[in-house]
Amino acid sequence: MKPLTAEWLEKAEGDFAVLERECRARKRPSYDAACFHAQQCAEKYLKAMLCERGAEFPRTHDLVSLLELVLRAENPWEHFREDLAYLSEFAVAYRYPGDSASRNHALDARRRCREFRKAARLSLGFRK
């Protein structure tokens, strides 16, 4: 594995840890943060995949546009399009006043992130 890919994965796993922690929090959970970190985890896994394959990618938080680049090598990932589009909404909108994520948003984002993360890890050669 390329060193830069490993760095992307380390950052992705940090986001995943925050997502899990916020979804388990009993006192003052931040559902906005949980959703944001679900999006960030998926984004970094996509960028890790692209990095490992030597593909260039733009600076973007749009998971579907990153998916389009990944699909050139990972055709089975098409079924993640809807999940990634859903997670993309949390990159910016919920970070500022106006909208707030609910517990249901956070749990749904976690579920979608977990499924995508599992597939990404398998594709990168991890067993779990």
Protein backbone atom coordinates (compact mmCIF):
# COMPACT_ATOMS: atom_id res chain seq x y z
CA MET A 1 0.00 0.00 0.00
CA LYS A 2 1.24 3.48 -0.87
CA PRO A 3 2.17 5.68 2.11
CA LEU A 4 -0.30 8.40 1.05
CA THR A 5 -3.09 5.81 0.81
CA ALA A 6 -2.30 4.75 4.37
CA GLU A 7 -2.58 8.38 5.48
CA TRP A 8 -6.00 8.72 3.84
CA LEU A 9 -7.09 5.54 5.63
CA GLU A 10 -5.83 6.76 8.98
CA LYS A 11 -7.83 9.97 8.56
CA ALA A 12 -10.90 8.00 7.44
CA GLU A 13 -10.70 5.78 10.50
CA GLY A 14 -10.44 8.86 12.73
CA ASP A 15 -13.66 10.17 11.21
CA PHE A 16 -15.27 6.75 11.66
CA ALA A 17 -14.30 6.72 15.35
CA VAL A 18 -15.90 10.14 15.89
CA LEU A 19 -19.05 8.99 14.07
CA GLU A 20 -19.33 5.91 16.28
CA ARG A 21 -18.62 7.88 19.47
CA GLU A 22 -21.25 10.53 18.72
CA CYS A 23 -23.87 7.91 17.87
CA ARG A 24 -23.23 6.18 21.21
CA ALA A 25 -23.08 9.34 23.32
CA ARG A 26 -25.73 9.54 26.01
CA LYS A 27 -25.01 13.09 27.11
CA ARG A 28 -25.19 15.86 24.54
CA PRO A 29 -24.54 13.87 21.36
CA SER A 30 -23.79 15.96 18.29
CA TYR A 31 -25.83 14.43 15.50
CA ASP A 32 -24.54 17.11 13.13
CA ALA A 33 -20.97 15.96 13.88
CA ALA A 34 -21.92 12.30 13.47
CA CYS A 35 -23.37 12.97 10.03
CA PHE A 36 -20.44 15.16 9.00
CA HIS A 37 -17.92 12.51 10.02
CA ALA A 38 -19.88 9.80 8.20
CA GLN A 39 -19.53 11.89 5.04
CA GLN A 40 -15.87 12.56 5.75
CA CYS A 41 -15.11 8.88 6.33
CA ALA A 42 -16.68 7.89 3.00
CA GLU A 43 -14.90 10.75 1.21
CA LYS A 44 -11.52 9.70 2.53
CA TYR A 45 -12.08 6.05 1.63
CA LEU A 46 -12.95 7.09 -1.92
CA LYS A 47 -9.82 9.25 -2.09
CA ALA A 48 -7.73 6.40 -0.67
CA MET A 49 -9.04 4.11 -3.41
CA LEU A 50 -8.18 6.67 -6.07
CA CYS A 51 -4.78 7.35 -4.54
CA GLU A 52 -3.90 3.66 -4.40
CA ARG A 53 -4.76 3.31 -8.08
CA GLY A 54 -2.70 6.35 -9.04
CA ALA A 55 -5.74 8.30 -10.19
CA GLU A 56 -5.90 12.05 -9.82
CA PHE A 57 -8.95 13.59 -8.19
CA PRO A 58 -10.24 17.10 -7.51
CA ARG A 59 -10.61 18.76 -4.14
CA THR A 60 -14.27 18.10 -3.57
CA HIS A 61 -16.69 16.88 -0.94
CA ASP A 62 -19.08 15.54 -3.60
CA LEU A 63 -19.03 11.81 -3.00
CA VAL A 64 -20.89 10.99 -6.20
CA SER A 65 -18.32 12.78 -8.36
CA LEU A 66 -15.57 10.84 -6.56
CA LEU A 67 -17.57 7.65 -7.05
CA GLU A 68 -17.64 8.34 -10.79
CA LEU A 69 -13.85 8.28 -10.79
CA VAL A 70 -13.71 5.10 -8.71
CA LEU A 71 -16.27 3.34 -10.92
CA ARG A 72 -13.75 3.20 -13.72
CA ALA A 73 -11.98 0.47 -11.72
CA GLU A 74 -14.64 -0.68 -9.23
CA ASN A 75 -17.82 -1.29 -11.23
CA PRO A 76 -19.64 -3.18 -8.43
CA TRP A 77 -19.74 0.05 -6.39
CA GLU A 78 -22.54 1.55 -8.48
CA HIS A 79 -25.05 0.39 -5.86
CA PHE A 80 -23.50 2.85 -3.37
CA ARG A 81 -24.51 5.87 -5.48
CA GLU A 82 -27.69 6.61 -3.48
CA ASP A 83 -25.94 6.19 -0.13
CA LEU A 84 -23.06 8.42 -1.15
CA ALA A 85 -25.42 11.08 -2.50
CA TYR A 86 -27.24 11.02 0.86
CA LEU A 87 -23.97 11.35 2.80
CA SER A 88 -22.77 14.19 0.54
CA GLU A 89 -25.51 16.41 1.96
CA PHE A 90 -23.76 16.39 5.32
CA ALA A 91 -20.46 17.85 4.02
CA VAL A 92 -21.62 21.45 4.33
CA ALA A 93 -25.34 22.00 4.95
CA TYR A 94 -25.43 20.75 8.53
CA ARG A 95 -22.20 22.48 9.53
CA TYR A 96 -23.85 25.91 9.65
CA PRO A 97 -27.00 27.39 11.19
CA GLY A 98 -30.24 26.61 9.42
CA ASP A 99 -30.35 22.82 9.39
CA SER A 100 -29.69 20.29 12.12
CA ALA A 101 -29.39 16.55 11.95
CA SER A 102 -31.69 14.38 14.02
CA ARG A 103 -30.84 11.13 15.78
CA ASN A 104 -32.48 9.29 12.87
CA HIS A 105 -30.27 11.15 10.39
CA ALA A 106 -27.18 10.18 12.40
CA LEU A 107 -28.16 6.52 12.66
CA ASP A 108 -28.98 6.35 8.95
CA ALA A 109 -25.70 8.06 8.06
CA ARG A 110 -23.83 5.61 10.30
CA ARG A 111 -25.51 2.61 8.66
CA ARG A 112 -24.70 3.84 5.17
CA CYS A 113 -21.14 4.73 6.13
CA ARG A 114 -20.56 1.35 7.77
CA GLU A 115 -21.71 -0.51 4.65
CA PHE A 116 -19.56 1.59 2.34
CA ARG A 117 -16.56 1.39 4.67
CA LYS A 118 -16.80 -2.39 4.77
CA ALA A 119 -16.77 -2.62 0.96
CA ALA A 120 -13.93 -0.11 0.67
CA ARG A 121 -11.80 -1.95 3.22
CA LEU A 122 -12.34 -5.26 1.43
CA SER A 123 -11.39 -3.65 -1.86
CA LEU A 124 -8.19 -2.35 -0.29
CA GLY A 125 -7.29 -5.81 1.01
CA PHE A 126 -8.52 -5.64 4.62
CA ARG A 127 -10.47 -8.58 5.95
CA LYS A 128 -12.91 -6.54 8.03
